[in-house]
C-alpha atoms as a PDB file:
ATOM      1  CA  MET A   1      14.926  18.250  13.722  1.00  0.00           C
ATOM      2  CA  ILE A   2      11.173  18.147  14.270  1.00  0.00           C
ATOM      3  CA  LEU A   3      10.161  17.902  17.907  1.00  0.00           C
ATOM      4  CA  ASN A   4       6.543  17.915  18.975  1.00  0.00           C
ATOM      5  CA  ILE A   5       4.424  15.680  21.197  1.00  0.00           C
ATOM      6  CA  PRO A   6       3.412  13.221  18.437  1.00  0.00           C
ATOM      7  CA  ILE A   7       7.069  12.756  17.378  1.00  0.00           C
ATOM      8  CA  MET A   8       8.122  12.452  21.022  1.00  0.00           C
ATOM      9  CA  LEU A   9       5.550   9.666  21.486  1.00  0.00           C
ATOM     10  CA  THR A  10       7.054   7.867  18.500  1.00  0.00           C
ATOM     11  CA  TYR A  11      10.540   8.251  20.006  1.00  0.00           C
ATOM     12  CA  LEU A  12       9.210   6.888  23.304  1.00  0.00           C
ATOM     13  CA  ARG A  13       7.859   3.857  21.454  1.00  0.00           C
ATOM     14  CA  ILE A  14      11.323   3.190  20.047  1.00  0.00           C
ATOM     15  CA  LEU A  15      12.958   3.720  23.444  1.00  0.00           C
ATOM     16  CA  ALA A  16      10.474   1.302  25.023  1.00  0.00           C
ATOM     17  CA  ILE A  17      11.885  -1.555  22.931  1.00  0.00           C
ATOM     18  CA  PRO A  18      15.151  -2.096  24.859  1.00  0.00           C
ATOM     19  CA  LEU A  19      13.277  -1.584  28.135  1.00  0.00           C
ATOM     20  CA  MET A  20      10.808  -4.271  27.098  1.00  0.00           C
ATOM     21  CA  VAL A  21      13.662  -6.674  26.245  1.00  0.00           C
ATOM     22  CA  VAL A  22      15.422  -6.072  29.573  1.00  0.00           C
ATOM     23  CA  LEU A  23      12.202  -6.554  31.538  1.00  0.00           C
ATOM     24  CA  PHE A  24      11.446  -9.725  29.580  1.00  0.00           C
ATOM     25  CA  TYR A  25      14.828 -11.267  30.426  1.00  0.00           C
ATOM     26  CA  LEU A  26      14.645 -10.136  34.046  1.00  0.00           C
ATOM     27  CA  ASP A  27      11.425 -12.192  34.143  1.00  0.00           C
ATOM     28  CA  TYR A  28       8.950  -9.403  34.783  1.00  0.00           C
ATOM     29  CA  PRO A  29       6.200 -10.559  32.411  1.00  0.00           C
ATOM     30  CA  LEU A  30       3.471  -8.233  33.672  1.00  0.00           C
ATOM     31  CA  THR A  31       5.722  -5.175  33.474  1.00  0.00           C
ATOM     32  CA  THR A  32       6.943  -6.250  30.019  1.00  0.00           C
ATOM     33  CA  ALA A  33       3.356  -6.589  28.819  1.00  0.00           C
ATOM     34  CA  ILE A  34       2.391  -3.221  30.303  1.00  0.00           C
ATOM     35  CA  VAL A  35       5.348  -1.454  28.644  1.00  0.00           C
ATOM     36  CA  PHE A  36       4.414  -3.061  25.320  1.00  0.00           C
ATOM     37  CA  ALA A  37       0.712  -2.175  25.709  1.00  0.00           C
ATOM     38  CA  LEU A  38       1.533   1.447  26.588  1.00  0.00           C
ATOM     39  CA  ALA A  39       3.882   1.671  23.625  1.00  0.00           C
ATOM     40  CA  GLY A  40       1.106   0.229  21.463  1.00  0.00           C
ATOM     41  CA  PHE A  41      -1.254   2.892  22.759  1.00  0.00           C
ATOM     42  CA  THR A  42       1.212   5.605  21.693  1.00  0.00           C
ATOM     43  CA  ASP A  43       0.882   4.271  18.142  1.00  0.00           C
ATOM     44  CA  TRP A  44      -2.721   5.409  18.135  1.00  0.00           C
ATOM     45  CA  ALA A  45      -2.079   8.551  20.196  1.00  0.00           C
ATOM     46  CA  ASP A  46       0.739   9.995  18.099  1.00  0.00           C
ATOM     47  CA  GLY A  47      -1.241   9.794  14.865  1.00  0.00           C
ATOM     48  CA  TYR A  48      -4.404  11.122  16.472  1.00  0.00           C
ATOM     49  CA  LEU A  49      -2.601  14.067  18.072  1.00  0.00           C
ATOM     50  CA  ALA A  50      -0.607  14.871  14.931  1.00  0.00           C
ATOM     51  CA  ARG A  51      -3.829  15.086  12.890  1.00  0.00           C
ATOM     52  CA  ARG A  52      -5.793  16.933  15.565  1.00  0.00           C
ATOM     53  CA  TRP A  53      -3.068  19.511  16.240  1.00  0.00           C
ATOM     54  CA  GLY A  54      -2.018  19.884  12.614  1.00  0.00           C
ATOM     55  CA  GLN A  55       1.455  18.546  13.420  1.00  0.00           C
ATOM     56  CA  GLU A  56       1.679  15.932  10.694  1.00  0.00           C
ATOM     57  CA  SER A  57       5.070  15.804   9.032  1.00  0.00           C
ATOM     58  CA  ARG A  58       6.885  13.762   6.439  1.00  0.00           C
ATOM     59  CA  PHE A  59       9.396  12.701   9.081  1.00  0.00           C
ATOM     60  CA  GLY A  60       6.610  11.591  11.427  1.00  0.00           C
ATOM     61  CA  ALA A  61       4.904   9.712   8.590  1.00  0.00           C
ATOM     62  CA  PHE A  62       8.208   7.913   7.982  1.00  0.00           C
ATOM     63  CA  LEU A  63       9.175   7.239  11.618  1.00  0.00           C
ATOM     64  CA  ASP A  64       5.781   6.091  12.934  1.00  0.00           C
ATOM     65  CA  PRO A  65       5.519   2.870  10.889  1.00  0.00           C
ATOM     66  CA  VAL A  66       9.216   2.137  11.492  1.00  0.00           C
ATOM     67  CA  ALA A  67       8.645   2.354  15.257  1.00  0.00           C
ATOM     68  CA  ASP A  68       5.583   0.112  14.970  1.00  0.00           C
ATOM     69  CA  LYS A  69       7.401  -2.518  12.948  1.00  0.00           C
ATOM     70  CA  LEU A  70      10.393  -2.531  15.303  1.00  0.00           C
ATOM     71  CA  MET A  71       8.189  -2.858  18.357  1.00  0.00           C
ATOM     72  CA  VAL A  72       6.078  -5.676  16.907  1.00  0.00           C
ATOM     73  CA  ALA A  73       9.083  -7.544  15.466  1.00  0.00           C
ATOM     74  CA  VAL A  74      10.968  -7.476  18.778  1.00  0.00           C
ATOM     75  CA  ALA A  75       7.887  -8.613  20.712  1.00  0.00           C
ATOM     76  CA  LEU A  76       7.386 -11.452  18.218  1.00  0.00           C
ATOM     77  CA  ILE A  77      11.031 -12.522  18.588  1.00  0.00           C
ATOM     78  CA  LEU A  78      10.686 -12.623  22.368  1.00  0.00           C
ATOM     79  CA  ILE A  79       7.450 -14.584  22.167  1.00  0.00           C
ATOM     80  CA  VAL A  80       8.811 -17.049  19.594  1.00  0.00           C
ATOM     81  CA  GLU A  81      11.804 -17.699  21.828  1.00  0.00           C
ATOM     82  CA  SER A  82       9.709 -18.261  24.940  1.00  0.00           C
ATOM     83  CA  GLN A  83       6.918 -20.264  23.283  1.00  0.00           C
ATOM     84  CA  ALA A  84       8.954 -22.621  21.066  1.00  0.00           C
ATOM     85  CA  ASN A  85       5.721 -23.344  19.215  1.00  0.00           C
ATOM     86  CA  ALA A  86       5.486 -23.946  15.455  1.00  0.00           C
ATOM     87  CA  TRP A  87       2.174 -22.056  15.111  1.00  0.00           C
ATOM     88  CA  VAL A  88       3.504 -18.979  16.895  1.00  0.00           C
ATOM     89  CA  THR A  89       6.675 -19.113  14.785  1.00  0.00           C
ATOM     90  CA  ILE A  90       4.678 -19.401  11.549  1.00  0.00           C
ATOM     91  CA  ALA A  91       2.446 -16.477  12.561  1.00  0.00           C
ATOM     92  CA  ALA A  92       5.532 -14.407  13.441  1.00  0.00           C
ATOM     93  CA  ALA A  93       7.166 -15.235  10.097  1.00  0.00           C
ATOM     94  CA  ILE A  94       4.012 -14.221   8.210  1.00  0.00           C
ATOM     95  CA  ILE A  95       3.644 -10.963  10.144  1.00  0.00           C
ATOM     96  CA  VAL A  96       7.316  -9.931   9.792  1.00  0.00           C
ATOM     97  CA  SER A  97       7.388 -10.934   6.110  1.00  0.00           C
ATOM     98  CA  ARG A  98       4.267  -8.882   5.396  1.00  0.00           C
ATOM     99  CA  GLU A  99       5.763  -5.839   7.114  1.00  0.00           C
ATOM    100  CA  LEU A 100       8.948  -6.097   5.045  1.00  0.00           C
ATOM    101  CA  LEU A 101       6.977  -6.582   1.828  1.00  0.00           C
ATOM    102  CA  ILE A 102       4.638  -3.651   2.457  1.00  0.00           C
ATOM    103  CA  SER A 103       7.556  -1.393   3.468  1.00  0.00           C
ATOM    104  CA  ALA A 104       9.301  -2.240   0.196  1.00  0.00           C
ATOM    105  CA  LEU A 105       6.045  -1.718  -1.705  1.00  0.00           C
ATOM    106  CA  ARG A 106       5.534   1.723  -0.146  1.00  0.00           C
ATOM    107  CA  GLU A 107       9.104   2.688  -0.973  1.00  0.00           C
ATOM    108  CA  TRP A 108       8.642   1.576  -4.584  1.00  0.00           C
ATOM    109  CA  MET A 109       5.306   3.374  -4.884  1.00  0.00           C
ATOM    110  CA  ALA A 110       6.898   6.542  -3.472  1.00  0.00           C
ATOM    111  CA  GLU A 111       9.679   6.230  -6.024  1.00  0.00           C
ATOM    112  CA  VAL A 112       7.160   6.154  -8.872  1.00  0.00           C
ATOM    113  CA  GLY A 113       5.121   8.997  -7.344  1.00  0.00           C
ATOM    114  CA  GLN A 114       2.181   6.845  -6.266  1.00  0.00           C
ATOM    115  CA  ARG A 115       2.692   6.546  -2.476  1.00  0.00           C
ATOM    116  CA  SER A 116      -0.810   7.844  -1.717  1.00  0.00           C
ATOM    117  CA  LYS A 117      -2.232   4.885  -3.645  1.00  0.00           C
ATOM    118  CA  VAL A 118      -1.105   2.537  -0.862  1.00  0.00           C
ATOM    119  CA  ALA A 119      -2.391   4.504   2.136  1.00  0.00           C
ATOM    120  CA  VAL A 120      -3.222   2.744   5.396  1.00  0.00           C
ATOM    121  CA  ALA A 121      -6.562   0.966   5.143  1.00  0.00           C
ATOM    122  CA  PHE A 122      -9.027   0.114   7.915  1.00  0.00           C
ATOM    123  CA  THR A 123      -7.987  -3.551   7.700  1.00  0.00           C
ATOM    124  CA  GLY A 124      -4.438  -2.475   8.542  1.00  0.00           C
ATOM    125  CA  LYS A 125      -5.701  -0.656  11.612  1.00  0.00           C
ATOM    126  CA  LEU A 126      -7.635  -3.750  12.737  1.00  0.00           C
ATOM    127  CA  LYS A 127      -4.516  -5.855  12.136  1.00  0.00           C
ATOM    128  CA  THR A 128      -2.457  -3.539  14.314  1.00  0.00           C
ATOM    129  CA  ALA A 129      -5.027  -3.594  17.131  1.00  0.00           C
ATOM    130  CA  ALA A 130      -5.212  -7.410  17.039  1.00  0.00           C
ATOM    131  CA  GLN A 131      -1.408  -7.616  17.036  1.00  0.00           C
ATOM    132  CA  ILE A 132      -1.003  -5.272  19.992  1.00  0.00           C
ATOM    133  CA  MET A 133      -3.623  -7.107  22.060  1.00  0.00           C
ATOM    134  CA  SER A 134      -2.353 -10.581  21.166  1.00  0.00           C
ATOM    135  CA  LEU A 135       1.293  -9.738  21.800  1.00  0.00           C
ATOM    136  CA  THR A 136       0.456  -8.032  25.094  1.00  0.00           C
ATOM    137  CA  PHE A 137      -1.345 -11.172  26.293  1.00  0.00           C
ATOM    138  CA  LEU A 138       1.399 -13.479  25.008  1.00  0.00           C
ATOM    139  CA  LEU A 139       4.143 -11.404  26.650  1.00  0.00           C
ATOM    140  CA  TYR A 140       2.361 -11.776  29.987  1.00  0.00           C
ATOM    141  CA  ASP A 141       1.432 -15.385  29.165  1.00  0.00           C
ATOM    142  CA  LYS A 142      -0.293 -16.227  32.449  1.00  0.00           C
ATOM    143  CA  PRO A 143      -3.908 -16.337  33.558  1.00  0.00           C
ATOM    144  CA  LEU A 144      -5.078 -13.081  35.100  1.00  0.00           C
ATOM    145  CA  TRP A 145      -8.033 -13.213  37.502  1.00  0.00           C
ATOM    146  CA  GLY A 146      -8.894 -16.585  36.010  1.00  0.00           C
ATOM    147  CA  ILE A 147      -8.890 -15.223  32.446  1.00  0.00           C
ATOM    148  CA  PRO A 148      -6.784 -17.477  30.167  1.00  0.00           C
ATOM    149  CA  LEU A 149      -4.707 -14.721  28.553  1.00  0.00           C
ATOM    150  CA  HIS A 150      -2.380 -17.179  26.802  1.00  0.00           C
ATOM    151  CA  GLU A 151      -5.257 -18.820  24.936  1.00  0.00           C
ATOM    152  CA  ILE A 152      -6.875 -15.457  24.163  1.00  0.00           C
ATOM    153  CA  GLY A 153      -3.489 -14.192  22.965  1.00  0.00           C
ATOM    154  CA  LEU A 154      -3.109 -17.188  20.642  1.00  0.00           C
ATOM    155  CA  ALA A 155      -6.617 -16.683  19.241  1.00  0.00           C
ATOM    156  CA  LEU A 156      -5.931 -12.985  18.684  1.00  0.00           C
ATOM    157  CA  LEU A 157      -2.591 -13.854  17.071  1.00  0.00           C
ATOM    158  CA  ALA A 158      -4.450 -16.114  14.617  1.00  0.00           C
ATOM    159  CA  ILE A 159      -6.865 -13.258  13.872  1.00  0.00           C
ATOM    160  CA  ALA A 160      -3.962 -10.814  13.516  1.00  0.00           C
ATOM    161  CA  THR A 161      -2.229 -13.203  11.104  1.00  0.00           C
ATOM    162  CA  ILE A 162      -5.367 -13.530   8.965  1.00  0.00           C
ATOM    163  CA  LEU A 163      -5.787  -9.735   8.956  1.00  0.00           C
ATOM    164  CA  THR A 164      -2.085  -9.427   8.108  1.00  0.00           C
ATOM    165  CA  VAL A 165      -2.506 -11.520   4.972  1.00  0.00           C
ATOM    166  CA  TRP A 166      -5.807  -9.832   4.074  1.00  0.00           C
ATOM    167  CA  SER A 167      -4.390  -6.308   4.404  1.00  0.00           C
ATOM    168  CA  MET A 168      -1.282  -7.347   2.444  1.00  0.00           C
ATOM    169  CA  MET A 169      -3.485  -8.539  -0.408  1.00  0.00           C
ATOM    170  CA  GLN A 170      -5.368  -5.215  -0.309  1.00  0.00           C
ATOM    171  CA  TYR A 171      -2.129  -3.224  -0.471  1.00  0.00           C
ATOM    172  CA  LEU A 172      -0.802  -5.328  -3.350  1.00  0.00           C
ATOM    173  CA  ALA A 173      -4.081  -5.048  -5.260  1.00  0.00           C
ATOM    174  CA  ASP A 174      -4.122  -1.254  -4.765  1.00  0.00           C
ATOM    175  CA  ALA A 175      -0.508  -0.962  -5.862  1.00  0.00           C
ATOM    176  CA  PHE A 176      -0.900  -3.016  -9.013  1.00  0.00           C
ATOM    177  CA  ARG A 177      -4.215  -1.404  -9.891  1.00  0.00           C
ATOM    178  CA  ASN A 178      -2.466   1.977  -9.716  1.00  0.00           C
ATOM    179  CA  GLU A 179       0.875   0.935 -11.217  1.00  0.00           C
ATOM    180  CA  PRO A 180       2.145   3.572 -13.637  1.00  0.00           C
ATOM    181  CA  THR A 181       2.470   2.346 -17.204  1.00  0.00           C
ATOM    182  CA  SER A 182       5.582   4.326 -18.096  1.00  0.00           C
END
């Protein structure tokens, strides 16, 4: 089993998920949001450190997006439950559906030897940043120092949803442009 700091950060992100759920149901919104934000930060940190320290691995490349998708999906479920809002539910459905579609696409492209043709694009990185910020604000869901975090979170969720669809279209276009003919 591979064990280095980048992989450990990915494991921590996965372990943060049940902690986030417990804190959410114990009604500690600020702590829930902080745990989610810190876990979101590890998404950037593990990749950066793996590249910088030459500790990239196939297992890490597999586990990192799984951890991200789990973390985002669970946060979306919690927010959908607490918000009971059609727009939030629609955004969550779009985001989760895109993640499932792109995961299946990557698996298919790997099967046909073309995985590198659907590498993470800059739009995907922007999407992730918008998701992490929006979900952090929506998990807290209260004004902070007079700043309307709920409204900012909703606006960022709309941006994240648009970027979600845009990046999905980019991935699909790249995949079909590079589809093997045999």
